[in-house]
Amino acid sequence: MRSFDEIWQIAAARKGGEAALEALLEQPRPEGSLRDIPEDRWLSMMTRCIFQAGFNWKVIENKWPAFETAFKGFDVGKCALMNDEWFDALLTDSTIVRNGAKIRSVSQNAAFILELRGEGGVARVIADWPDRDFAGLLEMIKRRATRLGGASGMYFLRFMGRDGFVLSRDVVARLIAEGVIDKPPTSKGAMQRVQGAFNEWAGQSGRPLRDISRVLAMSL
């Protein structure tokens, strides 16, 4: 496995130099502000990432104000108690994407957020989860939330500003090239090897996981 500096140099050569590469990196939201994000915004982003999966993201973006209205501003208490009448109305609402399983996930994920209140709340649980076990955070969300496994969970956390990696096609290709994995990671063991590589690169560079993830992607 190459050092992070070696991979950085490969990416810099592709992007026009180190200054150009640095300019492409965005910093995650500071942890303090993560803890201040209200529950409805977490549910809103969960829902947005679920509906974007397998769909044109631009369509979802254009419809998003209607989603906010249809789901009552993603009020967690109201969404957790979604009754059949409301669900049936959403299935006929042409202003949103009428996918029954994804609509039902809003209620299920609202219940998940309510459950996390007993553990300090969704914002604190996600903000305080150790960076060195980001794979464990992904696994927890996959197991306890609904339809937030794989890329949907990773993008949900990234868009909320939580530091972490996204295993895009290019990132996976670099991990394979470095001998970390031999195929896209689907098992817990493979994810632990990915986490170990990111932890090593973080130790070498002092950079957040998000930066490392983006540099890996831009090295191909």
N, C-alpha and C. Protein backbone atom coordinates (compact mmCIF):
# COMPACT_ATOMS: atom_id res chain seq x y z
N MET A 1 0.85 -1.19 0.00
CA MET A 1 0.00 0.00 0.00
C MET A 1 0.88 1.24 0.00
N ARG A 2 0.64 2.15 -0.95
CA ARG A 2 1.41 3.39 -0.99
C ARG A 2 1.10 4.27 0.21
N SER A 3 2.03 5.14 0.54
CA SER A 3 1.78 6.13 1.57
C SER A 3 0.79 7.17 1.03
N PHE A 4 0.21 7.94 1.95
CA PHE A 4 -0.72 8.98 1.49
C PHE A 4 0.01 10.01 0.64
N ASP A 5 1.23 10.34 1.00
CA ASP A 5 1.98 11.34 0.23
C ASP A 5 2.17 10.89 -1.21
N GLU A 6 2.43 9.60 -1.41
CA GLU A 6 2.60 9.10 -2.77
C GLU A 6 1.30 9.21 -3.56
N ILE A 7 0.19 8.88 -2.92
CA ILE A 7 -1.11 8.98 -3.59
C ILE A 7 -1.46 10.44 -3.84
N TRP A 8 -1.12 11.31 -2.88
CA TRP A 8 -1.34 12.76 -3.04
C TRP A 8 -0.61 13.27 -4.28
N GLN A 9 0.63 12.85 -4.47
CA GLN A 9 1.41 13.31 -5.61
C GLN A 9 0.80 12.84 -6.92
N ILE A 10 0.26 11.63 -6.94
CA ILE A 10 -0.42 11.12 -8.15
C ILE A 10 -1.63 11.99 -8.46
N ALA A 11 -2.44 12.28 -7.42
CA ALA A 11 -3.63 13.10 -7.62
C ALA A 11 -3.26 14.52 -8.04
N ALA A 12 -2.22 15.08 -7.42
CA ALA A 12 -1.80 16.44 -7.75
C ALA A 12 -1.36 16.53 -9.21
N ALA A 13 -0.65 15.52 -9.68
CA ALA A 13 -0.21 15.51 -11.07
C ALA A 13 -1.40 15.49 -12.03
N ARG A 14 -2.46 14.83 -11.62
CA ARG A 14 -3.65 14.74 -12.48
C ARG A 14 -4.48 16.03 -12.45
N LYS A 15 -4.39 16.78 -11.35
CA LYS A 15 -5.27 17.94 -11.18
C LYS A 15 -4.57 19.28 -11.38
N GLY A 16 -3.32 19.25 -11.84
CA GLY A 16 -2.64 20.50 -12.15
C GLY A 16 -1.79 21.06 -11.04
N GLY A 17 -1.39 20.21 -10.11
CA GLY A 17 -0.49 20.66 -9.06
C GLY A 17 -1.12 20.61 -7.68
N GLU A 18 -0.26 20.75 -6.67
CA GLU A 18 -0.73 20.60 -5.30
C GLU A 18 -1.70 21.70 -4.89
N ALA A 19 -1.46 22.92 -5.33
CA ALA A 19 -2.37 24.02 -4.97
C ALA A 19 -3.75 23.80 -5.58
N ALA A 20 -3.78 23.32 -6.80
CA ALA A 20 -5.05 23.06 -7.47
C ALA A 20 -5.81 21.94 -6.77
N LEU A 21 -5.07 20.91 -6.36
CA LEU A 21 -5.69 19.79 -5.66
C LEU A 21 -6.24 20.25 -4.31
N GLU A 22 -5.47 21.03 -3.58
CA GLU A 22 -5.91 21.51 -2.27
C GLU A 22 -7.18 22.33 -2.40
N ALA A 23 -7.28 23.10 -3.47
CA ALA A 23 -8.45 23.95 -3.66
C ALA A 23 -9.72 23.14 -3.90
N LEU A 24 -9.57 21.89 -4.34
CA LEU A 24 -10.72 21.04 -4.60
C LEU A 24 -11.28 20.36 -3.36
N LEU A 25 -10.54 20.45 -2.26
CA LEU A 25 -10.95 19.77 -1.04
C LEU A 25 -11.82 20.68 -0.19
N GLU A 26 -12.95 20.14 0.25
CA GLU A 26 -13.86 20.90 1.11
C GLU A 26 -13.77 20.34 2.52
N GLN A 27 -13.89 21.21 3.49
CA GLN A 27 -13.81 20.77 4.88
C GLN A 27 -15.19 20.37 5.39
N PRO A 28 -15.25 19.33 6.23
CA PRO A 28 -16.53 18.95 6.83
C PRO A 28 -17.02 19.99 7.81
N ARG A 29 -18.29 19.96 8.09
CA ARG A 29 -18.88 20.87 9.07
C ARG A 29 -18.23 20.62 10.43
N PRO A 30 -17.88 21.66 11.18
CA PRO A 30 -17.31 21.44 12.52
C PRO A 30 -18.25 20.62 13.39
N GLU A 31 -17.69 19.76 14.24
CA GLU A 31 -18.52 18.87 15.03
C GLU A 31 -19.51 19.62 15.92
N GLY A 32 -19.11 20.77 16.43
CA GLY A 32 -20.00 21.52 17.30
C GLY A 32 -21.31 21.86 16.63
N SER A 33 -21.26 22.27 15.36
CA SER A 33 -22.48 22.60 14.66
C SER A 33 -23.27 21.36 14.28
N LEU A 34 -22.59 20.25 14.11
CA LEU A 34 -23.30 18.99 13.85
C LEU A 34 -24.27 18.69 15.00
N ARG A 35 -23.80 18.90 16.21
CA ARG A 35 -24.63 18.60 17.38
C ARG A 35 -25.83 19.54 17.50
N ASP A 36 -25.78 20.65 16.79
CA ASP A 36 -26.87 21.63 16.87
C ASP A 36 -27.94 21.42 15.81
N ILE A 37 -27.72 20.52 14.88
CA ILE A 37 -28.69 20.32 13.80
C ILE A 37 -29.94 19.65 14.35
N PRO A 38 -31.11 20.22 14.12
CA PRO A 38 -32.35 19.64 14.67
C PRO A 38 -32.74 18.33 13.98
N GLU A 39 -33.56 17.56 14.66
CA GLU A 39 -33.93 16.23 14.18
C GLU A 39 -34.58 16.26 12.80
N ASP A 40 -35.40 17.27 12.54
CA ASP A 40 -36.11 17.28 11.26
C ASP A 40 -35.16 17.39 10.08
N ARG A 41 -33.98 18.05 10.27
CA ARG A 41 -33.02 18.17 9.17
C ARG A 41 -32.30 16.84 8.93
N TRP A 42 -32.09 16.08 9.99
CA TRP A 42 -31.50 14.75 9.80
C TRP A 42 -32.47 13.86 9.02
N LEU A 43 -33.75 13.90 9.38
CA LEU A 43 -34.74 13.08 8.69
C LEU A 43 -34.90 13.55 7.25
N SER A 44 -34.86 14.85 7.03
CA SER A 44 -34.96 15.39 5.68
C SER A 44 -33.84 14.86 4.80
N MET A 45 -32.59 14.90 5.30
CA MET A 45 -31.48 14.44 4.48
C MET A 45 -31.49 12.93 4.30
N MET A 46 -31.88 12.19 5.32
CA MET A 46 -32.04 10.74 5.15
C MET A 46 -32.98 10.47 3.98
N THR A 47 -34.11 11.15 3.99
CA THR A 47 -35.13 10.94 2.97
C THR A 47 -34.63 11.35 1.59
N ARG A 48 -33.94 12.47 1.54
CA ARG A 48 -33.43 12.94 0.25
C ARG A 48 -32.45 11.94 -0.36
N CYS A 49 -31.56 11.39 0.46
CA CYS A 49 -30.59 10.42 -0.05
C CYS A 49 -31.26 9.12 -0.46
N ILE A 50 -32.30 8.73 0.25
CA ILE A 50 -33.05 7.52 -0.11
C ILE A 50 -33.75 7.71 -1.44
N PHE A 51 -34.38 8.85 -1.64
CA PHE A 51 -35.10 9.08 -2.90
C PHE A 51 -34.13 9.31 -4.06
N GLN A 52 -32.94 9.83 -3.79
CA GLN A 52 -31.96 10.03 -4.86
C GLN A 52 -31.40 8.71 -5.37
N ALA A 53 -31.38 7.69 -4.52
CA ALA A 53 -30.78 6.42 -4.91
C ALA A 53 -31.52 5.82 -6.11
N GLY A 54 -30.78 5.59 -7.17
CA GLY A 54 -31.37 5.01 -8.38
C GLY A 54 -32.25 5.96 -9.15
N PHE A 55 -32.15 7.26 -8.85
CA PHE A 55 -33.00 8.24 -9.51
C PHE A 55 -32.15 9.43 -9.92
N ASN A 56 -32.68 10.25 -10.78
CA ASN A 56 -31.98 11.46 -11.20
C ASN A 56 -31.98 12.47 -10.06
N TRP A 57 -30.76 12.82 -9.57
CA TRP A 57 -30.66 13.71 -8.42
C TRP A 57 -31.26 15.07 -8.71
N LYS A 58 -31.16 15.55 -9.94
CA LYS A 58 -31.69 16.87 -10.28
C LYS A 58 -33.21 16.90 -10.15
N VAL A 59 -33.85 15.81 -10.50
CA VAL A 59 -35.31 15.74 -10.38
C VAL A 59 -35.71 15.86 -8.90
N ILE A 60 -35.00 15.13 -8.05
CA ILE A 60 -35.30 15.19 -6.61
C ILE A 60 -35.04 16.59 -6.07
N GLU A 61 -33.93 17.20 -6.51
CA GLU A 61 -33.62 18.56 -6.06
C GLU A 61 -34.74 19.54 -6.43
N ASN A 62 -35.23 19.44 -7.65
CA ASN A 62 -36.28 20.35 -8.12
C ASN A 62 -37.59 20.14 -7.36
N LYS A 63 -37.84 18.90 -6.97
CA LYS A 63 -39.08 18.58 -6.27
C LYS A 63 -38.96 18.77 -4.75
N TRP A 64 -37.77 19.06 -4.25
CA TRP A 64 -37.57 18.98 -2.81
C TRP A 64 -38.47 19.91 -2.00
N PRO A 65 -38.74 21.15 -2.43
CA PRO A 65 -39.68 21.98 -1.65
C PRO A 65 -41.03 21.29 -1.47
N ALA A 66 -41.47 20.56 -2.50
CA ALA A 66 -42.74 19.84 -2.39
C ALA A 66 -42.63 18.68 -1.41
N PHE A 67 -41.48 18.02 -1.37
CA PHE A 67 -41.26 16.96 -0.38
C PHE A 67 -41.37 17.53 1.04
N GLU A 68 -40.75 18.69 1.25
CA GLU A 68 -40.80 19.31 2.58
C GLU A 68 -42.24 19.59 3.00
N THR A 69 -43.04 20.05 2.06
CA THR A 69 -44.45 20.32 2.36
C THR A 69 -45.21 19.02 2.59
N ALA A 70 -45.01 18.05 1.72
CA ALA A 70 -45.77 16.80 1.80
C ALA A 70 -45.50 16.04 3.09
N PHE A 71 -44.26 16.13 3.58
CA PHE A 71 -43.90 15.41 4.81
C PHE A 71 -43.89 16.33 6.03
N LYS A 72 -44.65 17.44 5.95
CA LYS A 72 -44.86 18.32 7.09
C LYS A 72 -43.55 18.81 7.71
N GLY A 73 -42.62 19.23 6.82
CA GLY A 73 -41.34 19.73 7.29
C GLY A 73 -40.48 18.68 7.95
N PHE A 74 -40.82 17.41 7.73
CA PHE A 74 -40.10 16.28 8.33
C PHE A 74 -40.10 16.34 9.85
N ASP A 75 -41.21 16.83 10.39
CA ASP A 75 -41.40 16.76 11.84
C ASP A 75 -41.33 15.30 12.26
N VAL A 76 -40.38 14.99 13.13
CA VAL A 76 -40.09 13.59 13.45
C VAL A 76 -41.28 12.92 14.15
N GLY A 77 -41.89 13.62 15.09
CA GLY A 77 -43.03 13.03 15.79
C GLY A 77 -44.19 12.72 14.86
N LYS A 78 -44.50 13.67 13.98
CA LYS A 78 -45.60 13.47 13.04
C LYS A 78 -45.29 12.35 12.06
N CYS A 79 -44.07 12.35 11.51
CA CYS A 79 -43.72 11.33 10.52
C CYS A 79 -43.68 9.93 11.12
N ALA A 80 -43.24 9.82 12.37
CA ALA A 80 -43.20 8.51 13.02
C ALA A 80 -44.60 7.93 13.19
N LEU A 81 -45.60 8.80 13.27
CA LEU A 81 -46.99 8.35 13.47
C LEU A 81 -47.79 8.40 12.17
N MET A 82 -47.11 8.35 11.03
CA MET A 82 -47.80 8.39 9.75
C MET A 82 -48.87 7.30 9.68
N ASN A 83 -50.12 7.72 9.46
CA ASN A 83 -51.20 6.74 9.38
C ASN A 83 -51.49 6.37 7.92
N ASP A 84 -52.39 5.41 7.74
CA ASP A 84 -52.68 4.92 6.39
C ASP A 84 -53.27 6.01 5.50
N GLU A 85 -54.06 6.89 6.08
CA GLU A 85 -54.68 7.96 5.29
C GLU A 85 -53.61 8.88 4.71
N TRP A 86 -52.66 9.27 5.53
CA TRP A 86 -51.57 10.13 5.07
C TRP A 86 -50.70 9.39 4.06
N PHE A 87 -50.39 8.15 4.34
CA PHE A 87 -49.57 7.36 3.42
C PHE A 87 -50.26 7.24 2.06
N ASP A 88 -51.55 6.94 2.05
CA ASP A 88 -52.28 6.81 0.79
C ASP A 88 -52.32 8.13 0.03
N ALA A 89 -52.42 9.24 0.76
CA ALA A 89 -52.43 10.55 0.11
C ALA A 89 -51.08 10.83 -0.55
N LEU A 90 -50.00 10.42 0.11
CA LEU A 90 -48.67 10.62 -0.47
C LEU A 90 -48.49 9.79 -1.73
N LEU A 91 -49.10 8.61 -1.77
CA LEU A 91 -48.99 7.75 -2.94
C LEU A 91 -49.66 8.36 -4.17
N THR A 92 -50.54 9.31 -3.96
CA THR A 92 -51.23 9.95 -5.09
C THR A 92 -50.78 11.39 -5.30
N ASP A 93 -49.76 11.81 -4.54
CA ASP A 93 -49.28 13.19 -4.61
C ASP A 93 -48.27 13.31 -5.77
N SER A 94 -48.67 13.95 -6.85
CA SER A 94 -47.83 14.05 -8.03
C SER A 94 -46.68 15.04 -7.87
N THR A 95 -46.66 15.79 -6.78
CA THR A 95 -45.58 16.76 -6.58
C THR A 95 -44.31 16.10 -6.04
N ILE A 96 -44.41 14.85 -5.57
CA ILE A 96 -43.26 14.11 -5.08
C ILE A 96 -43.07 12.86 -5.93
N VAL A 97 -42.05 12.09 -5.63
CA VAL A 97 -41.84 10.79 -6.30
C VAL A 97 -42.64 9.76 -5.53
N ARG A 98 -43.58 9.09 -6.20
CA ARG A 98 -44.52 8.22 -5.51
C ARG A 98 -44.02 6.77 -5.48
N ASN A 99 -43.06 6.55 -4.62
CA ASN A 99 -42.50 5.21 -4.41
C ASN A 99 -42.90 4.77 -3.00
N GLY A 100 -43.76 3.77 -2.93
CA GLY A 100 -44.34 3.36 -1.65
C GLY A 100 -43.32 2.96 -0.60
N ALA A 101 -42.33 2.17 -1.00
CA ALA A 101 -41.33 1.69 -0.04
C ALA A 101 -40.50 2.86 0.50
N LYS A 102 -40.17 3.80 -0.38
CA LYS A 102 -39.37 4.94 0.06
C LYS A 102 -40.20 5.89 0.92
N ILE A 103 -41.46 6.05 0.58
CA ILE A 103 -42.34 6.89 1.41
C ILE A 103 -42.47 6.28 2.80
N ARG A 104 -42.64 4.97 2.88
CA ARG A 104 -42.77 4.29 4.17
C ARG A 104 -41.48 4.44 4.99
N SER A 105 -40.33 4.52 4.32
CA SER A 105 -39.07 4.63 5.05
C SER A 105 -39.00 5.92 5.87
N VAL A 106 -39.74 6.95 5.48
CA VAL A 106 -39.73 8.21 6.23
C VAL A 106 -40.25 7.97 7.64
N SER A 107 -41.36 7.25 7.74
CA SER A 107 -41.91 6.93 9.04
C SER A 107 -40.97 6.04 9.85
N GLN A 108 -40.38 5.07 9.19
CA GLN A 108 -39.48 4.15 9.87
C GLN A 108 -38.22 4.85 10.37
N ASN A 109 -37.69 5.77 9.57
CA ASN A 109 -36.49 6.50 9.99
C ASN A 109 -36.81 7.56 11.04
N ALA A 110 -38.01 8.07 11.02
CA ALA A 110 -38.43 8.97 12.10
C ALA A 110 -38.45 8.20 13.42
N ALA A 111 -38.94 6.97 13.39
CA ALA A 111 -38.95 6.13 14.60
C ALA A 111 -37.52 5.85 15.06
N PHE A 112 -36.61 5.65 14.12
CA PHE A 112 -35.19 5.44 14.45
C PHE A 112 -34.62 6.66 15.17
N ILE A 113 -34.92 7.84 14.66
CA ILE A 113 -34.43 9.06 15.28
C ILE A 113 -35.00 9.21 16.69
N LEU A 114 -36.28 8.90 16.86
CA LEU A 114 -36.87 8.95 18.20
C LEU A 114 -36.17 7.96 19.14
N GLU A 115 -35.82 6.82 18.63
CA GLU A 115 -35.13 5.81 19.42
C GLU A 115 -33.78 6.33 19.91
N LEU A 116 -33.10 7.10 19.06
CA LEU A 116 -31.78 7.63 19.41
C LEU A 116 -31.85 8.70 20.49
N ARG A 117 -33.02 9.22 20.78
CA ARG A 117 -33.13 10.20 21.86
C ARG A 117 -32.65 9.59 23.18
N GLY A 118 -32.89 8.30 23.36
CA GLY A 118 -32.46 7.63 24.57
C GLY A 118 -30.96 7.42 24.65
N GLU A 119 -30.25 7.72 23.56
CA GLU A 119 -28.79 7.57 23.50
C GLU A 119 -28.08 8.91 23.35
N GLY A 120 -28.84 9.98 23.57
CA GLY A 120 -28.27 11.33 23.48
C GLY A 120 -28.79 12.13 22.31
N GLY A 121 -29.50 11.48 21.40
CA GLY A 121 -30.05 12.17 20.23
C GLY A 121 -29.24 11.89 18.98
N VAL A 122 -29.90 11.94 17.83
CA VAL A 122 -29.26 11.59 16.57
C VAL A 122 -28.03 12.45 16.30
N ALA A 123 -28.12 13.75 16.57
CA ALA A 123 -27.00 14.65 16.27
C ALA A 123 -25.79 14.30 17.11
N ARG A 124 -25.99 14.05 18.39
CA ARG A 124 -24.86 13.74 19.27
C ARG A 124 -24.28 12.37 18.96
N VAL A 125 -25.14 11.38 18.70
CA VAL A 125 -24.65 10.04 18.38
C VAL A 125 -23.74 10.09 17.15
N ILE A 126 -24.18 10.77 16.11
CA ILE A 126 -23.40 10.81 14.87
C ILE A 126 -22.16 11.69 15.02
N ALA A 127 -22.29 12.83 15.68
CA ALA A 127 -21.14 13.72 15.84
C ALA A 127 -20.05 13.11 16.71
N ASP A 128 -20.45 12.35 17.74
CA ASP A 128 -19.49 11.83 18.70
C ASP A 128 -18.92 10.47 18.32
N TRP A 129 -19.42 9.86 17.27
CA TRP A 129 -18.92 8.54 16.87
C TRP A 129 -17.45 8.67 16.45
N PRO A 130 -16.55 7.80 16.93
CA PRO A 130 -15.12 7.95 16.61
C PRO A 130 -14.83 7.86 15.12
N ASP A 131 -14.01 8.78 14.63
CA ASP A 131 -13.63 8.75 13.22
C ASP A 131 -12.93 7.44 12.85
N ARG A 132 -12.19 6.88 13.79
CA ARG A 132 -11.45 5.65 13.53
C ARG A 132 -12.36 4.44 13.37
N ASP A 133 -13.64 4.63 13.65
CA ASP A 133 -14.62 3.56 13.46
C ASP A 133 -15.78 4.06 12.61
N PHE A 134 -15.47 4.85 11.59
CA PHE A 134 -16.53 5.33 10.70
C PHE A 134 -17.29 4.17 10.08
N ALA A 135 -16.59 3.08 9.77
CA ALA A 135 -17.26 1.89 9.22
C ALA A 135 -18.30 1.37 10.20
N GLY A 136 -18.01 1.47 11.50
CA GLY A 136 -18.98 1.05 12.50
C GLY A 136 -20.21 1.93 12.52
N LEU A 137 -20.04 3.23 12.29
CA LEU A 137 -21.18 4.14 12.19
C LEU A 137 -22.04 3.78 10.99
N LEU A 138 -21.40 3.50 9.87
CA LEU A 138 -22.15 3.09 8.68
C LEU A 138 -22.94 1.81 8.95
N GLU A 139 -22.32 0.87 9.64
CA GLU A 139 -22.98 -0.39 9.94
C GLU A 139 -24.17 -0.17 10.88
N MET A 140 -24.01 0.69 11.87
CA MET A 140 -25.11 0.98 12.78
C MET A 140 -26.30 1.58 12.04
N ILE A 141 -26.02 2.54 11.16
CA ILE A 141 -27.10 3.18 10.40
C ILE A 141 -27.76 2.17 9.46
N LYS A 142 -26.96 1.34 8.82
CA LYS A 142 -27.51 0.32 7.93
C LYS A 142 -28.43 -0.64 8.68
N ARG A 143 -28.02 -1.00 9.89
CA ARG A 143 -28.75 -2.01 10.67
C ARG A 143 -30.00 -1.44 11.32
N ARG A 144 -29.93 -0.21 11.80
CA ARG A 144 -31.03 0.31 12.61
C ARG A 144 -31.95 1.27 11.86
N ALA A 145 -31.45 1.91 10.83
CA ALA A 145 -32.30 2.77 10.00
C ALA A 145 -32.85 1.95 8.85
N THR A 146 -33.53 2.59 7.94
CA THR A 146 -34.16 1.91 6.80
C THR A 146 -33.65 2.49 5.49
N ARG A 147 -33.19 1.61 4.60
CA ARG A 147 -32.74 1.98 3.25
C ARG A 147 -31.55 2.95 3.27
N LEU A 148 -30.69 2.82 4.29
CA LEU A 148 -29.52 3.69 4.36
C LEU A 148 -28.24 2.88 4.41
N GLY A 149 -28.22 1.76 3.75
CA GLY A 149 -26.99 1.00 3.60
C GLY A 149 -26.21 1.50 2.39
N GLY A 150 -24.96 1.07 2.28
CA GLY A 150 -24.15 1.39 1.11
C GLY A 150 -23.99 2.88 0.88
N ALA A 151 -24.06 3.27 -0.39
CA ALA A 151 -23.80 4.66 -0.77
C ALA A 151 -24.79 5.63 -0.16
N SER A 152 -26.04 5.22 0.02
CA SER A 152 -27.04 6.14 0.57
C SER A 152 -26.64 6.62 1.96
N GLY A 153 -26.17 5.69 2.80
CA GLY A 153 -25.73 6.07 4.14
C GLY A 153 -24.51 6.95 4.11
N MET A 154 -23.56 6.64 3.22
CA MET A 154 -22.34 7.45 3.13
C MET A 154 -22.64 8.87 2.66
N TYR A 155 -23.49 8.99 1.65
CA TYR A 155 -23.81 10.33 1.16
C TYR A 155 -24.65 11.10 2.18
N PHE A 156 -25.53 10.43 2.88
CA PHE A 156 -26.31 11.08 3.93
C PHE A 156 -25.37 11.73 4.94
N LEU A 157 -24.38 10.99 5.42
CA LEU A 157 -23.46 11.54 6.41
C LEU A 157 -22.60 12.66 5.82
N ARG A 158 -22.15 12.50 4.60
CA ARG A 158 -21.33 13.54 3.97
C ARG A 158 -22.12 14.82 3.79
N PHE A 159 -23.34 14.71 3.29
CA PHE A 159 -24.13 15.91 3.04
C PHE A 159 -24.51 16.62 4.33
N MET A 160 -24.57 15.89 5.44
CA MET A 160 -24.83 16.52 6.73
C MET A 160 -23.58 17.17 7.31
N GLY A 161 -22.42 16.90 6.70
CA GLY A 161 -21.18 17.50 7.17
C GLY A 161 -20.37 16.61 8.09
N ARG A 162 -20.78 15.35 8.25
CA ARG A 162 -20.03 14.42 9.11
C ARG A 162 -18.80 13.94 8.36
N ASP A 163 -17.62 14.03 9.00
CA ASP A 163 -16.40 13.55 8.35
C ASP A 163 -16.50 12.04 8.12
N GLY A 164 -16.02 11.62 6.98
CA GLY A 164 -16.06 10.19 6.65
C GLY A 164 -15.66 9.99 5.20
N PHE A 165 -15.70 8.74 4.77
CA PHE A 165 -15.36 8.43 3.39
C PHE A 165 -16.60 8.00 2.62
N VAL A 166 -16.53 8.18 1.31
CA VAL A 166 -17.55 7.67 0.39
C VAL A 166 -16.85 6.71 -0.56
N LEU A 167 -17.33 5.48 -0.61
CA LEU A 167 -16.68 4.48 -1.44
C LEU A 167 -17.25 4.51 -2.86
N SER A 168 -16.92 5.59 -3.55
CA SER A 168 -17.31 5.72 -4.95
C SER A 168 -16.52 4.72 -5.80
N ARG A 169 -16.87 4.63 -7.05
CA ARG A 169 -16.17 3.70 -7.95
C ARG A 169 -14.68 3.99 -7.99
N ASP A 170 -14.30 5.27 -8.06
CA ASP A 170 -12.87 5.62 -8.14
C ASP A 170 -12.14 5.34 -6.83
N VAL A 171 -12.81 5.60 -5.70
CA VAL A 171 -12.17 5.31 -4.41
C VAL A 171 -11.94 3.81 -4.27
N VAL A 172 -12.94 3.03 -4.64
CA VAL A 172 -12.80 1.57 -4.57
C VAL A 172 -11.68 1.10 -5.50
N ALA A 173 -11.60 1.68 -6.68
CA ALA A 173 -10.54 1.29 -7.62
C ALA A 173 -9.16 1.57 -7.03
N ARG A 174 -8.99 2.71 -6.35
CA ARG A 174 -7.71 3.01 -5.73
C ARG A 174 -7.42 2.05 -4.58
N LEU A 175 -8.42 1.72 -3.79
CA LEU A 175 -8.23 0.76 -2.70
C LEU A 175 -7.84 -0.61 -3.23
N ILE A 176 -8.40 -0.99 -4.35
CA ILE A 176 -8.03 -2.26 -4.97
C ILE A 176 -6.59 -2.18 -5.49
N ALA A 177 -6.25 -1.06 -6.12
CA ALA A 177 -4.89 -0.89 -6.65
C ALA A 177 -3.85 -0.93 -5.54
N GLU A 178 -4.24 -0.48 -4.35
CA GLU A 178 -3.31 -0.47 -3.22
C GLU A 178 -3.29 -1.79 -2.45
N GLY A 179 -4.10 -2.75 -2.90
CA GLY A 179 -4.12 -4.06 -2.26
C GLY A 179 -4.89 -4.11 -0.95
N VAL A 180 -5.68 -3.09 -0.67
CA VAL A 180 -6.47 -3.07 0.56
C VAL A 180 -7.61 -4.08 0.48
N ILE A 181 -8.27 -4.11 -0.67
CA ILE A 181 -9.36 -5.04 -0.94
C ILE A 181 -9.17 -5.56 -2.37
N ASP A 182 -9.90 -6.60 -2.72
CA ASP A 182 -9.78 -7.14 -4.08
C ASP A 182 -11.06 -6.98 -4.89
N LYS A 183 -12.08 -6.39 -4.27
CA LYS A 183 -13.36 -6.13 -4.94
C LYS A 183 -14.14 -5.15 -4.08
N PRO A 184 -15.22 -4.59 -4.60
CA PRO A 184 -15.99 -3.66 -3.78
C PRO A 184 -16.36 -4.29 -2.44
N PRO A 185 -16.14 -3.57 -1.34
CA PRO A 185 -16.34 -4.17 -0.01
C PRO A 185 -17.82 -4.30 0.35
N THR A 186 -18.21 -5.50 0.69
CA THR A 186 -19.59 -5.75 1.12
C THR A 186 -19.65 -6.43 2.48
N SER A 187 -18.56 -7.01 2.90
CA SER A 187 -18.54 -7.71 4.19
C SER A 187 -17.97 -6.80 5.28
N LYS A 188 -18.24 -7.17 6.54
CA LYS A 188 -17.68 -6.41 7.66
C LYS A 188 -16.16 -6.47 7.65
N GLY A 189 -15.61 -7.64 7.29
CA GLY A 189 -14.16 -7.78 7.25
C GLY A 189 -13.53 -6.85 6.23
N ALA A 190 -14.13 -6.76 5.05
CA ALA A 190 -13.61 -5.88 4.02
C ALA A 190 -13.71 -4.42 4.45
N MET A 191 -14.81 -4.06 5.10
CA MET A 191 -14.97 -2.69 5.56
C MET A 191 -13.95 -2.35 6.65
N GLN A 192 -13.62 -3.33 7.47
CA GLN A 192 -12.59 -3.09 8.48
C GLN A 192 -11.22 -2.87 7.84
N ARG A 193 -10.95 -3.57 6.75
CA ARG A 193 -9.68 -3.34 6.05
C ARG A 193 -9.66 -1.95 5.43
N VAL A 194 -10.79 -1.54 4.90
CA VAL A 194 -10.89 -0.17 4.35
C VAL A 194 -10.66 0.85 5.46
N GLN A 195 -11.32 0.63 6.60
CA GLN A 195 -11.15 1.55 7.72
C GLN A 195 -9.70 1.60 8.17
N GLY A 196 -9.05 0.44 8.22
CA GLY A 196 -7.65 0.40 8.63
C GLY A 196 -6.76 1.20 7.71
N ALA A 197 -7.02 1.11 6.40
CA ALA A 197 -6.22 1.87 5.44
C ALA A 197 -6.44 3.37 5.62
N PHE A 198 -7.71 3.77 5.78
CA PHE A 198 -7.99 5.19 5.99
C PHE A 198 -7.36 5.69 7.29
N ASN A 199 -7.40 4.87 8.32
CA ASN A 199 -6.79 5.28 9.59
C ASN A 199 -5.29 5.47 9.44
N GLU A 200 -4.65 4.58 8.66
CA GLU A 200 -3.21 4.71 8.45
C GLU A 200 -2.89 5.98 7.67
N TRP A 201 -3.64 6.24 6.61
CA TRP A 201 -3.41 7.45 5.82
C TRP A 201 -3.72 8.71 6.63
N ALA A 202 -4.73 8.63 7.51
CA ALA A 202 -5.04 9.78 8.37
C ALA A 202 -3.88 10.05 9.32
N GLY A 203 -3.29 8.98 9.85
CA GLY A 203 -2.15 9.15 10.73
C GLY A 203 -0.94 9.75 10.03
N GLN A 204 -0.75 9.37 8.77
CA GLN A 204 0.38 9.90 8.00
C GLN A 204 0.19 11.36 7.63
N SER A 205 -1.03 11.73 7.33
CA SER A 205 -1.29 13.06 6.75
C SER A 205 -1.88 14.06 7.72
N GLY A 206 -2.53 13.59 8.77
CA GLY A 206 -3.25 14.50 9.66
C GLY A 206 -4.51 15.07 9.04
N ARG A 207 -4.94 14.49 7.94
CA ARG A 207 -6.12 15.00 7.23
C ARG A 207 -7.38 14.24 7.64
N PRO A 208 -8.55 14.87 7.50
CA PRO A 208 -9.81 14.18 7.79
C PRO A 208 -10.09 13.11 6.74
N LEU A 209 -10.96 12.18 7.10
CA LEU A 209 -11.30 11.08 6.20
C LEU A 209 -11.87 11.59 4.88
N ARG A 210 -12.61 12.66 4.94
CA ARG A 210 -13.22 13.20 3.73
C ARG A 210 -12.15 13.62 2.72
N ASP A 211 -11.12 14.32 3.19
CA ASP A 211 -10.03 14.72 2.29
C ASP A 211 -9.36 13.50 1.68
N ILE A 212 -9.08 12.51 2.51
CA ILE A 212 -8.40 11.32 2.02
C ILE A 212 -9.25 10.63 0.97
N SER A 213 -10.54 10.52 1.23
CA SER A 213 -11.45 9.89 0.29
C SER A 213 -11.43 10.60 -1.06
N ARG A 214 -11.48 11.92 -1.04
CA ARG A 214 -11.51 12.70 -2.28
C ARG A 214 -10.18 12.63 -3.02
N VAL A 215 -9.08 12.60 -2.27
CA VAL A 215 -7.77 12.47 -2.92
C VAL A 215 -7.65 11.11 -3.59
N LEU A 216 -8.11 10.07 -2.94
CA LEU A 216 -8.09 8.74 -3.57
C LEU A 216 -8.88 8.76 -4.87
N ALA A 217 -10.07 9.37 -4.84
CA ALA A 217 -10.89 9.42 -6.04
C ALA A 217 -10.22 10.20 -7.16
N MET A 218 -9.52 11.28 -6.81
CA MET A 218 -8.90 12.12 -7.83
C MET A 218 -7.53 11.59 -8.29
N SER A 219 -7.10 10.49 -7.69
CA SER A 219 -5.82 9.91 -8.12
C SER A 219 -5.98 8.98 -9.32
N LEU A 220 -7.20 8.80 -9.79
CA LEU A 220 -7.47 7.93 -10.95
C LEU A 220 -8.10 8.73 -12.07
